[in-house]
């Protein structure tokens, strides 16, 4: 019915990197197309024409739901990302997701906290960025509203994904 491909088919070591946090982020995953300086961050390189669209999809609540179901809920492993599937995108899907991802990345940067460290750290840092991805939930909802139908999900199923564990995901904000 739907032609979904695992992300591992889009991996290209000479492609564009997407950086993901292996741990942390609580109920949201931190996925960027640039390094954030986190020691818990790993790059995965994808075919250039798909990299930002993939980064956008990995920033979705749908991806978080997949992570909750198929991981140990402590560490986001490379093979879990590689086995996440994406639908066959049309050119206009890729273009739209690229723009949405740019808006999302700008938003998470604007809403990040700059934290200063006390004393000396083993990483020689006096400050670091604390990403509060929950503050960008409205854009994440836009991502889900766009991608969930591409996965064949109904409006009701999309709402379930967007609201999955929402009381925990929004706690503290």
N, C-alpha and C. Protein backbone atom coordinates (compact mmCIF):
# COMPACT_ATOMS: atom_id res chain seq x y z
N UNK A 1 0.81 -1.19 0.00
CA UNK A 1 0.00 0.00 0.00
C UNK A 1 0.87 1.26 0.00
N UNK A 2 1.76 1.41 0.98
CA UNK A 2 2.64 2.56 1.04
C UNK A 2 4.07 2.09 0.82
N UNK A 3 4.82 2.89 0.11
CA UNK A 3 6.20 2.56 -0.19
C UNK A 3 7.11 3.33 0.76
N UNK A 4 7.40 2.75 1.91
CA UNK A 4 8.28 3.37 2.90
C UNK A 4 9.64 2.71 2.83
N UNK A 5 10.67 3.53 3.00
CA UNK A 5 12.03 3.02 2.97
C UNK A 5 12.73 3.31 4.29
N UNK A 6 13.52 2.37 4.79
CA UNK A 6 14.28 2.66 6.01
C UNK A 6 15.31 3.75 5.74
N UNK A 7 15.57 4.56 6.76
CA UNK A 7 16.52 5.66 6.59
C UNK A 7 17.91 5.18 6.20
N UNK A 8 18.25 3.95 6.53
CA UNK A 8 19.58 3.46 6.18
C UNK A 8 19.80 3.47 4.67
N UNK A 9 18.73 3.43 3.89
CA UNK A 9 18.91 3.47 2.42
C UNK A 9 19.31 4.87 1.94
N UNK A 10 19.22 5.88 2.80
CA UNK A 10 19.56 7.25 2.43
C UNK A 10 20.92 7.67 2.99
N UNK A 11 21.58 6.78 3.71
CA UNK A 11 22.88 7.11 4.30
C UNK A 11 23.92 7.23 3.18
N UNK A 12 24.72 8.29 3.30
CA UNK A 12 25.78 8.57 2.33
C UNK A 12 26.91 9.23 3.11
N UNK A 13 28.02 8.53 3.30
CA UNK A 13 29.10 9.07 4.13
C UNK A 13 29.66 10.38 3.58
N UNK A 14 29.43 10.65 2.30
CA UNK A 14 29.87 11.92 1.70
C UNK A 14 28.73 12.94 1.64
N UNK A 15 27.60 12.58 2.25
CA UNK A 15 26.43 13.44 2.20
C UNK A 15 26.44 14.51 3.27
N UNK A 16 25.28 15.00 3.62
CA UNK A 16 25.13 16.06 4.63
C UNK A 16 24.80 15.43 5.98
N UNK A 17 25.50 15.87 7.02
CA UNK A 17 25.25 15.27 8.34
C UNK A 17 24.00 15.82 9.03
N UNK A 18 23.37 14.95 9.75
CA UNK A 18 22.32 15.29 10.69
C UNK A 18 22.85 14.83 12.05
N UNK A 19 22.79 15.71 13.03
CA UNK A 19 23.31 15.40 14.36
C UNK A 19 22.15 15.09 15.29
N UNK A 20 22.28 14.01 16.04
CA UNK A 20 21.23 13.63 16.98
C UNK A 20 21.84 13.34 18.34
N UNK A 21 21.08 13.66 19.38
CA UNK A 21 21.52 13.38 20.74
C UNK A 21 21.18 11.94 21.07
N UNK A 22 22.18 11.22 21.52
CA UNK A 22 21.96 9.82 21.89
C UNK A 22 21.23 9.70 23.21
N UNK A 23 21.44 10.69 24.10
CA UNK A 23 20.77 10.70 25.40
C UNK A 23 20.35 12.13 25.72
N UNK A 24 19.46 12.26 26.65
CA UNK A 24 18.99 13.58 27.04
C UNK A 24 17.81 14.02 26.19
N UNK A 25 17.37 15.21 26.43
CA UNK A 25 16.24 15.75 25.69
C UNK A 25 14.89 15.39 26.27
N UNK A 26 14.92 14.49 27.25
CA UNK A 26 13.70 14.04 27.92
C UNK A 26 12.65 13.57 26.93
N UNK A 27 11.54 14.29 26.81
CA UNK A 27 10.44 13.85 25.96
C UNK A 27 10.50 14.42 24.55
N UNK A 28 11.63 15.00 24.20
CA UNK A 28 11.84 15.52 22.85
C UNK A 28 13.26 15.16 22.44
N UNK A 29 13.46 14.91 21.18
CA UNK A 29 14.78 14.58 20.68
C UNK A 29 15.40 15.84 20.07
N UNK A 30 16.71 16.00 20.24
CA UNK A 30 17.42 17.13 19.65
C UNK A 30 18.07 16.64 18.36
N UNK A 31 17.60 17.17 17.23
CA UNK A 31 18.10 16.77 15.92
C UNK A 31 18.37 18.06 15.13
N UNK A 32 19.64 18.25 14.76
CA UNK A 32 20.02 19.46 14.02
C UNK A 32 20.87 19.09 12.81
N UNK A 33 21.07 20.07 11.92
CA UNK A 33 21.96 19.83 10.78
C UNK A 33 23.31 20.50 11.02
N UNK A 34 23.62 20.77 12.27
CA UNK A 34 24.89 21.37 12.68
C UNK A 34 25.24 20.80 14.06
N UNK A 35 26.53 20.75 14.39
CA UNK A 35 26.89 20.26 15.73
C UNK A 35 26.53 21.29 16.78
N UNK A 36 26.03 20.83 17.91
CA UNK A 36 25.65 21.73 19.01
C UNK A 36 26.70 21.75 20.11
N UNK A 37 27.70 20.90 20.01
CA UNK A 37 28.75 20.85 21.02
C UNK A 37 28.48 19.86 22.13
N UNK A 38 27.36 19.16 22.07
CA UNK A 38 27.04 18.18 23.10
C UNK A 38 27.98 16.98 22.99
N UNK A 39 28.39 16.47 24.13
CA UNK A 39 29.21 15.26 24.14
C UNK A 39 28.37 14.02 23.85
N UNK A 40 27.06 14.16 23.86
CA UNK A 40 26.14 13.04 23.61
C UNK A 40 25.52 13.12 22.22
N UNK A 41 26.24 13.72 21.31
CA UNK A 41 25.73 13.96 19.96
C UNK A 41 26.52 13.13 18.95
N UNK A 42 25.79 12.58 17.98
CA UNK A 42 26.43 11.80 16.92
C UNK A 42 25.92 12.28 15.57
N UNK A 43 26.80 12.26 14.56
CA UNK A 43 26.34 12.60 13.21
C UNK A 43 25.98 11.35 12.42
N UNK A 44 25.01 11.50 11.54
CA UNK A 44 24.67 10.50 10.53
C UNK A 44 24.56 11.27 9.23
N UNK A 45 25.27 10.86 8.20
CA UNK A 45 25.23 11.59 6.94
C UNK A 45 24.28 10.93 5.97
N UNK A 46 23.44 11.77 5.36
CA UNK A 46 22.44 11.31 4.41
C UNK A 46 22.66 11.97 3.06
N UNK A 47 22.09 11.40 2.04
CA UNK A 47 22.12 12.00 0.71
C UNK A 47 21.69 13.45 0.84
N UNK A 48 22.47 14.34 0.23
CA UNK A 48 22.27 15.78 0.42
C UNK A 48 20.84 16.24 0.17
N UNK A 49 20.22 15.74 -0.86
CA UNK A 49 18.88 16.21 -1.23
C UNK A 49 17.80 15.81 -0.22
N UNK A 50 18.11 14.84 0.65
CA UNK A 50 17.14 14.36 1.63
C UNK A 50 17.48 14.73 3.08
N UNK A 51 18.69 15.20 3.33
CA UNK A 51 19.18 15.36 4.71
C UNK A 51 18.27 16.25 5.56
N UNK A 52 17.92 17.44 5.10
CA UNK A 52 17.09 18.33 5.92
C UNK A 52 15.69 17.78 6.10
N UNK A 53 15.13 17.17 5.08
CA UNK A 53 13.80 16.56 5.20
C UNK A 53 13.86 15.44 6.25
N UNK A 54 14.93 14.66 6.25
CA UNK A 54 15.10 13.59 7.24
C UNK A 54 15.25 14.20 8.63
N UNK A 55 16.05 15.24 8.76
CA UNK A 55 16.19 15.92 10.05
C UNK A 55 14.86 16.43 10.56
N UNK A 56 14.05 16.94 9.66
CA UNK A 56 12.72 17.43 10.02
C UNK A 56 11.85 16.28 10.53
N UNK A 57 11.84 15.18 9.80
CA UNK A 57 11.04 14.02 10.20
C UNK A 57 11.51 13.47 11.55
N UNK A 58 12.82 13.42 11.76
CA UNK A 58 13.35 12.92 13.03
C UNK A 58 13.05 13.85 14.20
N UNK A 59 12.67 15.09 13.91
CA UNK A 59 12.29 16.05 14.95
C UNK A 59 10.82 15.96 15.31
N UNK A 60 10.09 15.11 14.64
CA UNK A 60 8.63 15.01 14.81
C UNK A 60 8.22 14.22 16.06
N UNK A 61 6.96 14.38 16.42
CA UNK A 61 6.39 13.55 17.49
C UNK A 61 6.24 12.11 17.00
N UNK A 62 6.05 11.92 15.71
CA UNK A 62 5.96 10.57 15.16
C UNK A 62 7.27 9.82 15.40
N UNK A 63 8.39 10.48 15.16
CA UNK A 63 9.69 9.87 15.41
C UNK A 63 9.87 9.60 16.91
N UNK A 64 9.44 10.54 17.75
CA UNK A 64 9.51 10.33 19.20
C UNK A 64 8.68 9.12 19.61
N UNK A 65 7.48 9.01 19.05
CA UNK A 65 6.61 7.86 19.36
C UNK A 65 7.32 6.55 18.97
N UNK A 66 7.92 6.51 17.78
CA UNK A 66 8.66 5.34 17.32
C UNK A 66 9.78 5.01 18.32
N UNK A 67 10.50 6.04 18.74
CA UNK A 67 11.57 5.87 19.72
C UNK A 67 11.01 5.27 21.01
N UNK A 68 9.89 5.77 21.49
CA UNK A 68 9.29 5.28 22.73
C UNK A 68 8.89 3.81 22.62
N UNK A 69 8.43 3.41 21.47
CA UNK A 69 7.96 2.03 21.26
C UNK A 69 9.12 1.05 21.05
N UNK A 70 10.14 1.46 20.31
CA UNK A 70 11.16 0.52 19.86
C UNK A 70 12.53 0.65 20.53
N UNK A 71 12.71 1.59 21.45
CA UNK A 71 14.02 1.74 22.07
C UNK A 71 13.97 1.34 23.54
N UNK A 72 15.10 1.47 24.19
CA UNK A 72 15.14 1.21 25.63
C UNK A 72 14.76 2.45 26.43
N UNK A 73 14.42 3.54 25.74
CA UNK A 73 14.02 4.82 26.33
C UNK A 73 15.12 5.49 27.15
N UNK A 74 16.33 5.07 26.95
CA UNK A 74 17.47 5.71 27.60
C UNK A 74 18.42 6.29 26.56
N UNK A 75 18.69 5.52 25.53
CA UNK A 75 19.66 5.90 24.51
C UNK A 75 19.03 5.75 23.13
N UNK A 76 19.25 6.74 22.27
CA UNK A 76 18.78 6.66 20.89
C UNK A 76 19.93 6.10 20.08
N UNK A 77 19.78 4.89 19.62
CA UNK A 77 20.85 4.19 18.93
C UNK A 77 20.77 4.40 17.42
N UNK A 78 21.93 4.39 16.78
CA UNK A 78 22.01 4.62 15.35
C UNK A 78 21.13 3.63 14.58
N UNK A 79 21.16 2.36 14.96
CA UNK A 79 20.37 1.37 14.22
C UNK A 79 18.87 1.64 14.33
N UNK A 80 18.44 2.26 15.44
CA UNK A 80 17.02 2.60 15.56
C UNK A 80 16.64 3.69 14.56
N UNK A 81 17.52 4.67 14.41
CA UNK A 81 17.27 5.72 13.42
C UNK A 81 17.32 5.12 12.01
N UNK A 82 18.30 4.29 11.75
CA UNK A 82 18.44 3.68 10.42
C UNK A 82 17.23 2.84 10.05
N UNK A 83 16.54 2.28 11.03
CA UNK A 83 15.38 1.45 10.75
C UNK A 83 14.06 2.21 10.73
N UNK A 84 14.08 3.47 11.13
CA UNK A 84 12.89 4.30 11.01
C UNK A 84 12.64 4.50 9.51
N UNK A 85 11.41 4.42 9.11
CA UNK A 85 11.12 4.52 7.67
C UNK A 85 10.54 5.88 7.33
N UNK A 86 10.74 6.25 6.08
CA UNK A 86 10.10 7.45 5.56
C UNK A 86 9.36 7.09 4.28
N UNK A 87 8.27 7.81 4.02
CA UNK A 87 7.54 7.56 2.78
C UNK A 87 8.33 8.09 1.59
N UNK A 88 7.91 7.69 0.42
CA UNK A 88 8.55 8.20 -0.78
C UNK A 88 8.11 9.64 -0.97
N UNK A 89 9.05 10.56 -0.78
CA UNK A 89 8.75 11.98 -0.88
C UNK A 89 8.74 12.45 -2.32
N UNK A 90 7.82 13.35 -2.60
CA UNK A 90 7.83 14.06 -3.87
C UNK A 90 8.75 15.27 -3.69
N UNK A 91 9.15 15.88 -4.78
CA UNK A 91 10.02 17.05 -4.72
C UNK A 91 9.40 18.14 -3.85
N UNK A 92 8.10 18.37 -3.99
CA UNK A 92 7.46 19.42 -3.20
C UNK A 92 7.43 19.08 -1.70
N UNK A 93 7.41 17.80 -1.36
CA UNK A 93 7.48 17.40 0.04
C UNK A 93 8.85 17.77 0.61
N UNK A 94 9.89 17.46 -0.12
CA UNK A 94 11.26 17.75 0.32
C UNK A 94 11.44 19.26 0.49
N UNK A 95 10.95 20.03 -0.46
CA UNK A 95 11.07 21.48 -0.38
C UNK A 95 10.32 22.04 0.82
N UNK A 96 9.12 21.55 1.05
CA UNK A 96 8.33 22.03 2.18
C UNK A 96 9.00 21.66 3.50
N UNK A 97 9.46 20.40 3.61
CA UNK A 97 10.12 19.95 4.84
C UNK A 97 11.43 20.70 5.08
N UNK A 98 12.16 21.03 4.03
CA UNK A 98 13.39 21.83 4.16
C UNK A 98 13.07 23.18 4.80
N UNK A 99 12.03 23.85 4.30
CA UNK A 99 11.66 25.16 4.84
C UNK A 99 11.16 25.05 6.28
N UNK A 100 10.36 24.03 6.53
CA UNK A 100 9.83 23.82 7.88
C UNK A 100 10.97 23.53 8.86
N UNK A 101 11.93 22.74 8.42
CA UNK A 101 13.08 22.41 9.28
C UNK A 101 13.91 23.66 9.57
N UNK A 102 14.09 24.52 8.59
CA UNK A 102 14.82 25.78 8.81
C UNK A 102 14.11 26.64 9.86
N UNK A 103 12.79 26.74 9.76
CA UNK A 103 12.01 27.48 10.76
C UNK A 103 12.17 26.86 12.14
N UNK A 104 12.09 25.53 12.18
CA UNK A 104 12.22 24.79 13.44
C UNK A 104 13.60 25.04 14.08
N UNK A 105 14.66 24.92 13.28
CA UNK A 105 16.01 25.11 13.83
C UNK A 105 16.21 26.53 14.34
N UNK A 106 15.71 27.51 13.62
CA UNK A 106 15.80 28.90 14.06
C UNK A 106 15.04 29.06 15.38
N UNK A 107 13.88 28.45 15.48
CA UNK A 107 13.05 28.54 16.67
C UNK A 107 13.73 27.91 17.89
N UNK A 108 14.31 26.71 17.72
CA UNK A 108 14.94 26.08 18.89
C UNK A 108 16.16 26.87 19.35
N UNK A 109 16.85 27.52 18.43
CA UNK A 109 18.00 28.35 18.80
C UNK A 109 17.53 29.58 19.57
N UNK A 110 16.48 30.22 19.08
CA UNK A 110 15.96 31.42 19.75
C UNK A 110 15.43 31.11 21.14
N UNK A 111 14.96 29.89 21.36
CA UNK A 111 14.33 29.53 22.63
C UNK A 111 15.24 28.74 23.56
N UNK A 112 16.50 28.55 23.15
CA UNK A 112 17.45 27.82 23.98
C UNK A 112 17.91 28.70 25.14
N UNK A 113 18.26 28.08 26.24
CA UNK A 113 18.83 28.79 27.40
C UNK A 113 20.35 28.69 27.30
N UNK A 114 21.04 29.77 27.64
CA UNK A 114 22.49 29.72 27.76
C UNK A 114 22.77 29.56 29.25
N UNK A 115 23.42 28.48 29.59
CA UNK A 115 23.71 28.17 30.99
C UNK A 115 25.20 28.35 31.23
N UNK A 116 25.54 28.98 32.32
CA UNK A 116 26.95 29.10 32.70
C UNK A 116 27.29 27.99 33.68
N UNK A 117 28.49 27.52 33.58
CA UNK A 117 28.93 26.44 34.46
C UNK A 117 29.59 27.06 35.69
N UNK A 118 29.53 26.34 36.77
CA UNK A 118 30.19 26.80 38.00
C UNK A 118 31.48 26.01 38.16
N UNK A 119 32.52 26.70 38.40
CA UNK A 119 33.81 26.01 38.56
C UNK A 119 34.38 25.62 37.21
N UNK A 120 35.34 24.74 37.26
CA UNK A 120 35.96 24.30 36.02
C UNK A 120 35.38 22.95 35.62
N UNK A 121 35.13 22.80 34.36
CA UNK A 121 34.61 21.53 33.88
C UNK A 121 35.71 20.78 33.15
N UNK A 122 35.55 19.49 33.03
CA UNK A 122 36.55 18.68 32.33
C UNK A 122 36.53 18.95 30.83
N UNK A 123 35.52 19.67 30.36
CA UNK A 123 35.41 19.99 28.93
C UNK A 123 35.86 21.41 28.63
N UNK A 124 36.44 22.11 29.62
CA UNK A 124 36.91 23.49 29.45
C UNK A 124 35.82 24.40 28.88
N UNK A 125 34.63 24.31 29.45
CA UNK A 125 33.51 25.14 29.01
C UNK A 125 33.10 26.06 30.15
N UNK A 126 32.76 27.29 29.81
CA UNK A 126 32.23 28.18 30.84
C UNK A 126 30.73 28.38 30.67
N UNK A 127 30.19 27.90 29.52
CA UNK A 127 28.75 27.97 29.29
C UNK A 127 28.35 26.90 28.26
N UNK A 128 27.07 26.65 28.21
CA UNK A 128 26.55 25.71 27.21
C UNK A 128 25.10 26.07 26.91
N UNK A 129 24.61 25.58 25.77
CA UNK A 129 23.23 25.81 25.37
C UNK A 129 22.36 24.67 25.85
N UNK A 130 21.27 25.04 26.48
CA UNK A 130 20.29 24.06 26.93
C UNK A 130 19.07 24.21 26.02
N UNK A 131 18.87 23.19 25.20
CA UNK A 131 17.75 23.24 24.25
C UNK A 131 16.46 22.84 24.95
N UNK A 132 15.46 23.66 24.81
CA UNK A 132 14.13 23.41 25.37
C UNK A 132 13.19 23.15 24.20
N UNK A 133 13.30 21.97 23.63
CA UNK A 133 12.55 21.62 22.43
C UNK A 133 11.05 21.76 22.63
N UNK A 134 10.59 21.54 23.85
CA UNK A 134 9.16 21.67 24.15
C UNK A 134 8.64 23.05 23.75
N UNK A 135 9.48 24.05 23.80
CA UNK A 135 9.07 25.41 23.45
C UNK A 135 8.77 25.56 21.95
N UNK A 136 9.18 24.59 21.18
CA UNK A 136 8.93 24.60 19.72
C UNK A 136 7.85 23.60 19.33
N UNK A 137 7.04 23.19 20.29
CA UNK A 137 6.00 22.17 20.04
C UNK A 137 5.04 22.58 18.93
N UNK A 138 4.73 23.85 18.78
CA UNK A 138 3.80 24.26 17.72
C UNK A 138 4.37 23.96 16.34
N UNK A 139 5.66 24.11 16.16
CA UNK A 139 6.27 23.78 14.87
C UNK A 139 6.36 22.27 14.71
N UNK A 140 6.63 21.56 15.79
CA UNK A 140 6.63 20.09 15.73
C UNK A 140 5.25 19.59 15.32
N UNK A 141 4.21 20.22 15.83
CA UNK A 141 2.85 19.86 15.41
C UNK A 141 2.64 20.09 13.91
N UNK A 142 3.20 21.18 13.39
CA UNK A 142 3.12 21.43 11.94
C UNK A 142 3.83 20.33 11.16
N UNK A 143 4.97 19.90 11.67
CA UNK A 143 5.71 18.81 11.02
C UNK A 143 4.83 17.56 10.99
N UNK A 144 4.24 17.22 12.13
CA UNK A 144 3.39 16.02 12.20
C UNK A 144 2.15 16.15 11.32
N UNK A 145 1.55 17.34 11.29
CA UNK A 145 0.38 17.54 10.43
C UNK A 145 0.72 17.31 8.96
N UNK A 146 1.97 17.61 8.60
CA UNK A 146 2.38 17.41 7.21
C UNK A 146 2.79 15.96 6.93
N UNK A 147 3.59 15.38 7.82
CA UNK A 147 4.15 14.06 7.50
C UNK A 147 3.22 12.89 7.80
N UNK A 148 2.40 13.00 8.83
CA UNK A 148 1.56 11.85 9.20
C UNK A 148 0.67 11.38 8.04
N UNK A 149 0.02 12.27 7.30
CA UNK A 149 -0.75 11.79 6.14
C UNK A 149 0.13 11.10 5.08
N UNK A 150 1.40 11.51 4.98
CA UNK A 150 2.32 10.85 4.04
C UNK A 150 2.60 9.41 4.46
N UNK A 151 2.46 9.15 5.75
CA UNK A 151 2.60 7.80 6.29
C UNK A 151 1.29 7.02 6.23
N UNK A 152 0.24 7.68 5.77
CA UNK A 152 -1.06 7.03 5.67
C UNK A 152 -1.89 7.12 6.94
N UNK A 153 -1.50 7.99 7.86
CA UNK A 153 -2.24 8.13 9.11
C UNK A 153 -3.45 9.04 8.91
N UNK A 154 -4.52 8.72 9.59
CA UNK A 154 -5.74 9.53 9.56
C UNK A 154 -5.55 10.75 10.45
N UNK A 155 -6.48 11.67 10.40
CA UNK A 155 -6.44 12.85 11.27
C UNK A 155 -6.51 12.43 12.74
N UNK A 156 -7.33 11.45 13.05
CA UNK A 156 -7.44 10.96 14.42
C UNK A 156 -6.12 10.35 14.90
N UNK A 157 -5.48 9.57 14.04
CA UNK A 157 -4.18 8.97 14.39
C UNK A 157 -3.10 10.05 14.53
N UNK A 158 -3.16 11.06 13.68
CA UNK A 158 -2.21 12.16 13.76
C UNK A 158 -2.36 12.89 15.09
N UNK A 159 -3.58 13.14 15.51
CA UNK A 159 -3.83 13.80 16.79
C UNK A 159 -3.31 12.95 17.95
N UNK A 160 -3.48 11.63 17.84
CA UNK A 160 -2.95 10.73 18.87
C UNK A 160 -1.43 10.90 18.97
N UNK A 161 -0.74 10.91 17.83
CA UNK A 161 0.72 11.05 17.81
C UNK A 161 1.13 12.39 18.40
N UNK A 162 0.48 13.46 17.99
CA UNK A 162 0.83 14.80 18.47
C UNK A 162 0.61 14.93 19.98
N UNK A 163 -0.37 14.22 20.50
CA UNK A 163 -0.71 14.33 21.92
C UNK A 163 -0.18 13.18 22.77
N UNK A 164 0.61 12.29 22.17
CA UNK A 164 1.14 11.13 22.88
C UNK A 164 1.97 11.58 24.09
N UNK A 165 1.59 11.12 25.28
CA UNK A 165 2.26 11.45 26.54
C UNK A 165 2.44 12.95 26.74
N UNK A 166 1.50 13.72 26.21
CA UNK A 166 1.63 15.17 26.24
C UNK A 166 1.73 15.74 27.64
N UNK A 167 1.00 15.16 28.59
CA UNK A 167 1.05 15.68 29.96
C UNK A 167 2.46 15.59 30.52
N UNK A 168 3.24 14.59 30.13
CA UNK A 168 4.61 14.45 30.59
C UNK A 168 5.55 15.33 29.75
N UNK A 169 5.27 15.36 28.44
CA UNK A 169 6.13 16.10 27.53
C UNK A 169 6.10 17.61 27.79
N UNK A 170 4.95 18.11 28.28
CA UNK A 170 4.82 19.54 28.53
C UNK A 170 5.11 19.93 29.97
N UNK A 171 5.30 18.95 30.84
CA UNK A 171 5.54 19.22 32.26
C UNK A 171 6.78 20.09 32.44
N UNK A 172 6.66 21.05 33.31
CA UNK A 172 7.79 21.89 33.63
C UNK A 172 7.95 23.09 32.72
N UNK A 173 7.06 23.26 31.76
CA UNK A 173 7.16 24.42 30.87
C UNK A 173 6.01 25.34 31.07
